[in-house]
Every structure is written in structure tokens, then in C-alpha cells.
Amino acid sequence: MSDNRDVRASLLRDFIFEAMEPIERDSAAARLCLANDDDVGARYHLKRAIACVKAAAATFKELEALLGEREAA
């Protein structure tokens, strides 16, 4: 059973890594839009960055729960 948890933890970490990738680009794009008074573009990129952070955070919470189960076992 431990092997399954290890594989699942690895997959969760990979997903978190992938989910966080666009954050830097969207953050920079949002700042550029704000500097150019483009509120529509800033909103778009900010929403994308927030969605990525939320996905990563939710998955990290799942990872922590999985690791907590491992420690309890």
C-alpha cells in the first residue's frame, strides 16, 4: 500500500509543479497591463494566476492529507 501512496504523492507533486508554471508569466503580464492602464488585460491575467494558485493549493492540501495518512499508518 505504501508504494501506491508514494506514486500518488509523486503525481500530486508533479501536478502542483505544472499548475504553478503559468503564475510567473501571468503575474508579469498583469503588472505590464497595469503599467499600461489596461484593466481588462490585468483582470484576465490576475484571474489566471489566481486559478493556478487555487489549483496548486487544493492539490497541496490533498498531498498533505496523503502524507498525514502515511505518518498515522
C-alpha atoms as a PDB file:
ATOM      1  CA  MET A   1       0.000   0.000   0.000  1.00  0.00           C
ATOM      2  CA  SER A   2       2.930   2.326   0.677  1.00  0.00           C
ATOM      3  CA  ASP A   3       4.057   2.089  -2.959  1.00  0.00           C
ATOM      4  CA  ASN A   4       0.661   3.387  -4.103  1.00  0.00           C
ATOM      5  CA  ARG A   5       0.907   6.322  -1.717  1.00  0.00           C
ATOM      6  CA  ASP A   6       4.427   7.119  -2.915  1.00  0.00           C
ATOM      7  CA  VAL A   7       3.297   7.098  -6.528  1.00  0.00           C
ATOM      8  CA  ARG A   8       0.237   9.204  -5.721  1.00  0.00           C
ATOM      9  CA  ALA A   9       2.366  11.700  -3.766  1.00  0.00           C
ATOM     10  CA  SER A  10       4.744  11.959  -6.702  1.00  0.00           C
ATOM     11  CA  LEU A  11       1.868  12.570  -9.114  1.00  0.00           C
ATOM     12  CA  LEU A  12       0.393  15.217  -6.832  1.00  0.00           C
ATOM     13  CA  ARG A  13       3.755  16.986  -6.647  1.00  0.00           C
ATOM     14  CA  ASP A  14       4.021  16.887 -10.441  1.00  0.00           C
ATOM     15  CA  PHE A  15       0.550  18.409 -10.765  1.00  0.00           C
ATOM     16  CA  ILE A  16       1.393  21.181  -8.298  1.00  0.00           C
ATOM     17  CA  PHE A  17       4.587  21.925 -10.213  1.00  0.00           C
ATOM     18  CA  GLU A  18       2.685  22.089 -13.511  1.00  0.00           C
ATOM     19  CA  ALA A  19      -0.146  24.171 -12.027  1.00  0.00           C
ATOM     20  CA  MET A  20       2.317  26.780 -10.780  1.00  0.00           C
ATOM     21  CA  GLU A  21       4.162  27.181 -14.075  1.00  0.00           C
ATOM     22  CA  PRO A  22       1.916  29.881 -15.622  1.00  0.00           C
ATOM     23  CA  ILE A  23       1.868  32.011 -12.456  1.00  0.00           C
ATOM     24  CA  GLU A  24       5.092  33.882 -13.216  1.00  0.00           C
ATOM     25  CA  ARG A  25       4.043  34.701 -16.775  1.00  0.00           C
ATOM     26  CA  ASP A  26       0.550  35.807 -15.802  1.00  0.00           C
ATOM     27  CA  SER A  27       1.858  37.836 -12.883  1.00  0.00           C
ATOM     28  CA  ALA A  28       4.323  39.655 -15.141  1.00  0.00           C
ATOM     29  CA  ALA A  29       1.641  40.148 -17.796  1.00  0.00           C
ATOM     30  CA  ALA A  30      -0.791  41.552 -15.209  1.00  0.00           C
ATOM     31  CA  ARG A  31       1.834  44.011 -13.994  1.00  0.00           C
ATOM     32  CA  LEU A  32       2.593  45.073 -17.554  1.00  0.00           C
ATOM     33  CA  CYS A  33      -1.114  45.577 -18.229  1.00  0.00           C
ATOM     34  CA  LEU A  34      -1.446  47.688 -15.082  1.00  0.00           C
ATOM     35  CA  ALA A  35       1.558  49.788 -16.091  1.00  0.00           C
ATOM     36  CA  ASN A  36      -0.167  50.416 -19.428  1.00  0.00           C
ATOM     37  CA  ASP A  37      -3.584  51.180 -17.877  1.00  0.00           C
ATOM     38  CA  ASP A  38      -5.065  48.005 -19.406  1.00  0.00           C
ATOM     39  CA  ASP A  39      -7.502  46.998 -16.673  1.00  0.00           C
ATOM     40  CA  VAL A  40      -9.199  44.337 -18.801  1.00  0.00           C
ATOM     41  CA  GLY A  41      -5.905  42.608 -19.553  1.00  0.00           C
ATOM     42  CA  ALA A  42      -4.783  42.919 -15.935  1.00  0.00           C
ATOM     43  CA  ARG A  43      -8.022  41.329 -14.732  1.00  0.00           C
ATOM     44  CA  TYR A  44      -7.631  38.470 -17.212  1.00  0.00           C
ATOM     45  CA  HIS A  45      -4.064  37.652 -16.187  1.00  0.00           C
ATOM     46  CA  LEU A  46      -4.774  38.102 -12.492  1.00  0.00           C
ATOM     47  CA  LYS A  47      -7.710  35.665 -12.705  1.00  0.00           C
ATOM     48  CA  ARG A  48      -5.486  33.118 -14.449  1.00  0.00           C
ATOM     49  CA  ALA A  49      -2.784  33.461 -11.783  1.00  0.00           C
ATOM     50  CA  ILE A  50      -5.358  33.094  -9.007  1.00  0.00           C
ATOM     51  CA  ALA A  51      -6.863  29.994 -10.645  1.00  0.00           C
ATOM     52  CA  CYS A  52      -3.404  28.413 -10.836  1.00  0.00           C
ATOM     53  CA  VAL A  53      -2.664  29.214  -7.191  1.00  0.00           C
ATOM     54  CA  LYS A  54      -6.022  27.779  -6.109  1.00  0.00           C
ATOM     55  CA  ALA A  55      -5.433  24.559  -8.055  1.00  0.00           C
ATOM     56  CA  ALA A  56      -1.941  24.188  -6.623  1.00  0.00           C
ATOM     57  CA  ALA A  57      -3.122  24.929  -3.077  1.00  0.00           C
ATOM     58  CA  ALA A  58      -6.001  22.460  -3.256  1.00  0.00           C
ATOM     59  CA  THR A  59      -3.712  19.762  -4.562  1.00  0.00           C
ATOM     60  CA  PHE A  60      -1.105  20.563  -1.911  1.00  0.00           C
ATOM     61  CA  LYS A  61      -3.788  20.137   0.736  1.00  0.00           C
ATOM     62  CA  GLU A  62      -4.535  16.719  -0.764  1.00  0.00           C
ATOM     63  CA  LEU A  63      -0.820  15.891  -0.670  1.00  0.00           C
ATOM     64  CA  GLU A  64      -0.603  16.894   2.981  1.00  0.00           C
ATOM     65  CA  ALA A  65      -3.593  14.691   3.796  1.00  0.00           C
ATOM     66  CA  LEU A  66      -1.979  11.787   1.991  1.00  0.00           C
ATOM     67  CA  LEU A  67       1.297  12.296   3.826  1.00  0.00           C
ATOM     68  CA  GLY A  68      -0.579  12.620   7.109  1.00  0.00           C
ATOM     69  CA  GLU A  69      -2.167   9.228   6.445  1.00  0.00           C
ATOM     70  CA  ARG A  70       1.295   7.787   5.867  1.00  0.00           C
ATOM     71  CA  GLU A  71       2.546   9.093   9.208  1.00  0.00           C
ATOM     72  CA  ALA A  72      -0.536   7.745  11.002  1.00  0.00           C
ATOM     73  CA  ALA A  73      -0.040   4.284   9.478  1.00  0.00           C
END
